[in-house]
Amino acid sequence: MEQHIEDYLDYLGLERGLAENTLESYGRDLRQFSRFVSSNCTKPWEALDRGQILLYLDSLKRQGKSTATVSRSLASIRSFFRFLTREGALPTNPAALLNTPKAEKRLPRVLSPIEVETLLGRPTLSSPVGLRDRAMFEVLYATGIRVSELISLQLTDANLAAGFVKCKGKGGKERMVPLGTVAINAVERYLSTGRPLLVRSREVRSLFVNYHGRQMTRQGFWKLLKKHVRGTGIEANISPHTLRHSFATHLLENGADLRAVQEMLGHADISTTQIYTHVTRARLREIYDKAHPRA
Protein backbone atom coordinates (compact mmCIF):
# COMPACT_ATOMS: atom_id res chain seq x y z
CA MET A 1 0.00 0.00 0.00
CA GLU A 2 2.91 2.36 0.76
CA GLN A 3 3.97 2.60 -2.87
CA HIS A 4 0.41 3.31 -3.97
CA ILE A 5 0.19 6.08 -1.38
CA GLU A 6 3.33 7.68 -2.80
CA ASP A 7 1.92 7.39 -6.33
CA TYR A 8 -1.33 9.00 -5.17
CA LEU A 9 0.48 11.90 -3.49
CA ASP A 10 2.54 12.45 -6.64
CA TYR A 11 -0.70 12.57 -8.62
CA LEU A 12 -2.22 15.13 -6.23
CA GLY A 13 0.88 17.29 -6.31
CA LEU A 14 1.86 17.10 -9.96
CA GLU A 15 -1.44 16.75 -11.78
CA ARG A 16 -3.90 18.47 -9.43
CA GLY A 17 -1.45 21.01 -8.05
CA LEU A 18 -2.50 20.70 -4.41
CA ALA A 19 -0.60 22.72 -1.81
CA GLU A 20 2.20 21.17 0.25
CA ASN A 21 0.21 21.41 3.49
CA THR A 22 -2.71 19.56 1.86
CA LEU A 23 -0.39 16.83 0.59
CA GLU A 24 1.08 16.41 4.07
CA SER A 25 -2.42 16.04 5.51
CA TYR A 26 -3.39 13.36 2.96
CA GLY A 27 -0.10 11.55 3.52
CA ARG A 28 -0.50 11.60 7.30
CA ASP A 29 -4.05 10.20 7.12
CA LEU A 30 -3.20 7.46 4.64
CA ARG A 31 0.01 6.29 6.32
CA GLN A 32 -1.79 6.05 9.65
CA PHE A 33 -4.51 3.99 7.95
CA SER A 34 -1.84 1.79 6.33
CA ARG A 35 -0.22 1.11 9.72
CA PHE A 36 -3.59 0.14 11.18
CA VAL A 37 -4.26 -2.26 8.30
CA SER A 38 -0.83 -3.89 8.71
CA SER A 39 -1.32 -4.39 12.44
CA ASN A 40 -5.01 -5.28 12.68
CA CYS A 41 -6.23 -6.84 9.44
CA THR A 42 -5.56 -10.41 8.32
CA LYS A 43 -6.67 -9.77 4.75
CA PRO A 44 -4.27 -8.30 2.19
CA TRP A 45 -4.99 -4.63 1.63
CA GLU A 46 -6.27 -5.31 -1.91
CA ALA A 47 -9.11 -7.36 -0.36
CA LEU A 48 -10.18 -4.79 2.25
CA ASP A 49 -13.90 -4.18 2.55
CA ARG A 50 -15.97 -1.48 4.23
CA GLY A 51 -15.93 -3.46 7.50
CA GLN A 52 -12.18 -3.03 7.97
CA ILE A 53 -12.42 0.66 7.16
CA LEU A 54 -15.22 1.07 9.71
CA LEU A 55 -13.01 -0.63 12.31
CA TYR A 56 -10.30 1.92 11.61
CA LEU A 57 -12.69 4.87 11.88
CA ASP A 58 -14.04 3.43 15.12
CA SER A 59 -10.48 3.18 16.47
CA LEU A 60 -10.01 6.92 15.78
CA LYS A 61 -13.17 7.69 17.75
CA ARG A 62 -11.98 5.55 20.67
CA GLN A 63 -8.73 7.55 20.66
CA GLY A 64 -10.83 10.67 21.23
CA LYS A 65 -10.39 12.11 17.74
CA SER A 66 -12.91 14.78 16.79
CA THR A 67 -15.68 14.22 14.27
CA ALA A 68 -13.87 16.58 11.91
CA THR A 69 -10.69 14.47 12.11
CA VAL A 70 -12.60 11.23 11.47
CA SER A 71 -14.44 12.83 8.54
CA ARG A 72 -11.18 14.09 7.03
CA SER A 73 -9.59 10.64 7.38
CA LEU A 74 -12.54 9.01 5.66
CA ALA A 75 -12.39 11.57 2.86
CA SER A 76 -8.68 10.83 2.37
CA ILE A 77 -9.28 7.06 2.30
CA ARG A 78 -12.25 7.34 -0.04
CA SER A 79 -10.32 9.56 -2.45
CA PHE A 80 -7.29 7.25 -2.31
CA PHE A 81 -9.33 4.15 -3.18
CA ARG A 82 -11.15 6.06 -5.92
CA PHE A 83 -7.75 6.83 -7.44
CA LEU A 84 -6.74 3.13 -7.22
CA THR A 85 -9.94 1.94 -8.91
CA ARG A 86 -9.50 4.51 -11.68
CA GLU A 87 -5.91 3.34 -12.18
CA GLY A 88 -7.02 -0.32 -12.30
CA ALA A 89 -5.23 -1.35 -9.09
CA LEU A 90 -8.55 -2.28 -7.44
CA PRO A 91 -11.84 -3.48 -8.97
CA THR A 92 -14.06 -1.40 -6.66
CA ASN A 93 -13.81 1.33 -4.04
CA PRO A 94 -14.55 -0.27 -0.63
CA ALA A 95 -15.07 3.16 0.96
CA ALA A 96 -17.47 4.50 -1.66
CA LEU A 97 -20.69 3.81 0.27
CA LEU A 98 -19.48 4.89 3.70
CA ASN A 99 -21.30 7.90 5.12
CA THR A 100 -19.37 10.87 6.43
CA PRO A 101 -19.96 11.40 10.18
CA LYS A 102 -22.25 14.30 10.96
CA ALA A 103 -20.10 17.32 11.67
CA GLU A 104 -20.18 18.99 15.05
CA LYS A 105 -21.47 22.55 14.84
CA ARG A 106 -18.84 24.57 16.64
CA LEU A 107 -18.69 28.30 16.17
CA PRO A 108 -15.19 29.73 15.76
CA ARG A 109 -13.67 31.79 18.58
CA VAL A 110 -13.86 35.47 17.69
CA LEU A 111 -12.09 38.36 19.40
CA SER A 112 -14.00 41.50 20.25
CA PRO A 113 -12.83 44.75 18.58
CA ILE A 114 -11.30 45.82 21.90
CA GLU A 115 -9.40 42.51 22.21
CA VAL A 116 -8.14 42.93 18.64
CA GLU A 117 -6.89 46.44 19.44
CA THR A 118 -5.16 45.11 22.56
CA LEU A 119 -3.42 42.29 20.70
CA LEU A 120 -2.42 44.33 17.65
CA GLY A 121 -1.01 47.07 19.88
CA ARG A 122 1.10 44.66 21.92
CA PRO A 123 4.28 44.47 19.73
CA THR A 124 6.65 47.33 20.51
CA LEU A 125 7.75 49.63 17.68
CA SER A 126 11.21 50.18 19.14
CA SER A 127 12.81 47.05 17.67
CA PRO A 128 12.96 45.41 14.22
CA VAL A 129 11.18 42.31 15.56
CA GLY A 130 8.44 44.43 17.13
CA LEU A 131 7.92 46.32 13.87
CA ARG A 132 7.67 43.00 12.03
CA ASP A 133 5.22 41.49 14.53
CA ARG A 134 3.01 44.58 14.42
CA ALA A 135 3.01 44.53 10.61
CA MET A 136 2.18 40.80 10.48
CA PHE A 137 -0.70 41.15 12.95
CA GLU A 138 -2.08 44.18 11.13
CA VAL A 139 -1.93 42.44 7.74
CA LEU A 140 -3.51 39.27 9.13
CA TYR A 141 -6.45 41.16 10.63
CA ALA A 142 -6.76 43.62 7.73
CA THR A 143 -6.99 40.90 5.08
CA GLY A 144 -8.20 37.72 6.80
CA ILE A 145 -5.62 35.66 4.89
CA ARG A 146 -4.41 32.33 6.28
CA VAL A 147 -1.13 32.24 8.18
CA SER A 148 0.34 30.00 5.45
CA GLU A 149 -0.55 32.72 2.92
CA LEU A 150 0.88 35.43 5.18
CA ILE A 151 4.30 33.85 5.57
CA SER A 152 4.44 33.05 1.83
CA LEU A 153 4.03 36.70 0.80
CA GLN A 154 6.87 38.03 -1.30
CA LEU A 155 8.00 41.65 -1.44
CA THR A 156 6.35 42.00 -4.84
CA ASP A 157 3.01 40.74 -3.50
CA ALA A 158 2.40 43.88 -1.42
CA ASN A 159 1.22 46.82 -3.53
CA LEU A 160 1.10 49.44 -0.78
CA ALA A 161 0.42 52.31 -3.16
CA ALA A 162 -2.72 50.61 -4.46
CA GLY A 163 -3.63 49.15 -1.05
CA PHE A 164 -3.70 45.46 -2.00
CA VAL A 165 -1.82 42.26 -1.31
CA LYS A 166 -1.70 39.33 -3.70
CA CYS A 167 -1.74 35.93 -2.04
CA LYS A 168 -1.83 32.35 -3.24
CA GLY A 169 -4.48 30.22 -1.52
CA LYS A 170 -5.50 26.59 -1.62
CA GLY A 171 -4.89 24.86 -4.93
CA GLY A 172 -2.51 27.64 -5.95
CA LYS A 173 -5.40 30.02 -6.66
CA GLU A 174 -4.35 33.68 -6.51
CA ARG A 175 -6.52 36.49 -5.21
CA MET A 176 -6.16 40.19 -4.46
CA VAL A 177 -7.21 41.37 -0.99
CA PRO A 178 -7.60 45.03 0.09
CA LEU A 179 -5.20 46.39 2.70
CA GLY A 180 -6.35 49.13 5.08
CA THR A 181 -4.50 52.33 5.96
CA VAL A 182 -3.34 51.14 9.39
CA ALA A 183 -1.89 47.92 7.94
CA ILE A 184 -0.23 49.83 5.09
CA ASN A 185 1.45 52.18 7.56
CA ALA A 186 2.62 49.25 9.70
CA VAL A 187 4.14 47.46 6.69
CA GLU A 188 5.82 50.67 5.48
CA ARG A 189 7.46 51.20 8.90
CA TYR A 190 8.60 47.58 8.94
CA LEU A 191 10.05 47.80 5.41
CA SER A 192 11.86 51.05 6.04
CA THR A 193 13.38 50.53 9.51
CA GLY A 194 12.73 46.93 10.61
CA ARG A 195 13.27 44.50 7.77
CA PRO A 196 16.65 45.92 6.61
CA LEU A 197 18.13 45.21 10.05
CA LEU A 198 16.80 41.63 9.98
CA VAL A 199 17.91 40.66 6.46
CA ARG A 200 21.16 42.71 6.67
CA SER A 201 23.03 42.22 3.39
CA ARG A 202 21.16 39.11 2.26
CA GLU A 203 18.91 39.10 -0.78
CA VAL A 204 15.62 37.73 0.56
CA ARG A 205 12.39 37.87 -1.42
CA SER A 206 10.07 36.97 1.49
CA LEU A 207 8.15 39.92 2.91
CA PHE A 208 8.24 38.68 6.51
CA VAL A 209 11.46 37.22 7.85
CA ASN A 210 12.63 35.78 11.15
CA TYR A 211 15.40 37.04 13.43
CA HIS A 212 18.00 35.37 11.18
CA GLY A 213 16.72 37.09 8.04
CA ARG A 214 15.07 33.98 6.58
CA GLN A 215 11.42 33.44 5.66
CA MET A 216 9.11 33.30 8.66
CA THR A 217 7.73 29.81 9.35
CA ARG A 218 4.31 28.72 10.61
CA GLN A 219 5.89 27.48 13.84
CA GLY A 220 7.74 30.75 14.27
CA PHE A 221 4.56 32.75 13.86
CA TRP A 222 2.72 30.51 16.35
CA LYS A 223 5.42 31.15 18.95
CA LEU A 224 5.41 34.92 18.59
CA LEU A 225 1.59 35.02 18.62
CA LYS A 226 1.45 33.01 21.85
CA LYS A 227 4.06 35.30 23.41
CA HIS A 228 2.06 38.42 22.62
CA VAL A 229 -1.25 36.85 23.70
CA ARG A 230 0.26 36.04 27.10
CA GLY A 231 1.30 39.67 27.43
CA THR A 232 -2.22 40.97 26.75
CA GLY A 233 -3.92 39.02 29.53
CA ILE A 234 -6.63 37.83 27.11
CA GLU A 235 -7.92 34.59 28.59
CA ALA A 236 -8.65 32.65 25.43
CA ASN A 237 -7.09 29.97 23.27
CA ILE A 238 -6.08 32.17 20.34
CA SER A 239 -4.63 30.76 17.13
CA PRO A 240 -3.59 32.51 13.90
CA HIS A 241 -7.01 31.53 12.52
CA THR A 242 -8.69 33.53 15.30
CA LEU A 243 -7.72 36.78 13.56
CA ARG A 244 -9.12 35.39 10.30
CA HIS A 245 -12.40 34.54 12.05
CA SER A 246 -12.48 37.97 13.69
CA PHE A 247 -11.83 39.70 10.34
CA ALA A 248 -14.81 37.99 8.68
CA THR A 249 -17.16 38.40 11.64
CA HIS A 250 -16.41 42.09 12.15
CA LEU A 251 -16.95 42.80 8.45
CA LEU A 252 -20.34 41.08 8.45
CA GLU A 253 -21.37 42.75 11.70
CA ASN A 254 -20.72 46.09 10.03
CA GLY A 255 -22.77 45.34 6.94
CA ALA A 256 -20.29 43.76 4.50
CA ASP A 257 -21.68 41.65 1.66
CA LEU A 258 -21.31 37.89 2.20
CA ARG A 259 -20.04 37.33 -1.35
CA ALA A 260 -17.35 39.97 -0.90
CA VAL A 261 -16.20 38.34 2.35
CA GLN A 262 -16.15 34.96 0.57
CA GLU A 263 -13.90 36.42 -2.14
CA MET A 264 -11.51 37.98 0.38
CA LEU A 265 -11.25 34.79 2.43
CA GLY A 266 -10.66 32.69 -0.69
CA HIS A 267 -13.49 30.26 0.03
CA ALA A 268 -14.46 28.16 -2.99
CA ASP A 269 -17.97 27.55 -1.59
CA ILE A 270 -20.08 30.26 0.03
CA SER A 271 -21.46 27.71 2.51
CA THR A 272 -18.03 27.80 4.19
CA THR A 273 -18.35 31.57 4.64
CA GLN A 274 -21.90 31.29 6.00
CA ILE A 275 -20.59 29.98 9.33
CA TYR A 276 -19.82 33.62 10.14
CA THR A 277 -23.46 34.63 9.78
CA HIS A 278 -24.19 32.19 12.63
CA VAL A 279 -21.42 33.82 14.66
CA THR A 280 -22.85 37.30 14.16
CA ARG A 281 -26.35 36.09 15.13
CA ALA A 282 -24.92 34.49 18.27
CA ARG A 283 -23.18 37.75 19.20
CA LEU A 284 -26.35 39.74 18.56
CA ARG A 285 -28.21 37.37 20.87
CA GLU A 286 -25.55 37.83 23.54
CA ILE A 287 -25.76 41.62 23.26
CA TYR A 288 -29.57 41.49 23.38
CA ASP A 289 -29.62 39.27 26.47
CA LYS A 290 -27.25 41.61 28.29
CA ALA A 291 -28.88 44.88 27.23
CA HIS A 292 -32.63 44.36 26.98
CA PRO A 293 -34.54 44.81 30.28
CA ARG A 294 -37.00 42.02 29.42
CA ALA A 295 -34.51 39.59 27.89
Foldseek 3Di string as FASTA:
>chain_A
DVVLLVVVLCCCCPVLNWDPVVSVLLSVLVVVLVVCCVVPPPDDPLPDALVSVVVVLVVCVVVVHALVSSLVSLVSLQVSQVVCCVVVVHVDRRSPPPDRPDHDLDFDDADDPVVLVLLLPQQDLPALVSLLLNLLSLQCLQQLEAVVFSLQFFPVQDPLVVQWGWTQDTSRDIAITGHDPVSSVSLVSSVPPRLCVQLPPDDAGTSHADNNNHGDDLVNSQVVSVVSVVVSPDPDDDDSSNSSLNSLLVCVLVPHDLVVNCRSHVPPDSVVSCSSVVVNVVVVVVCCVVPPPVD
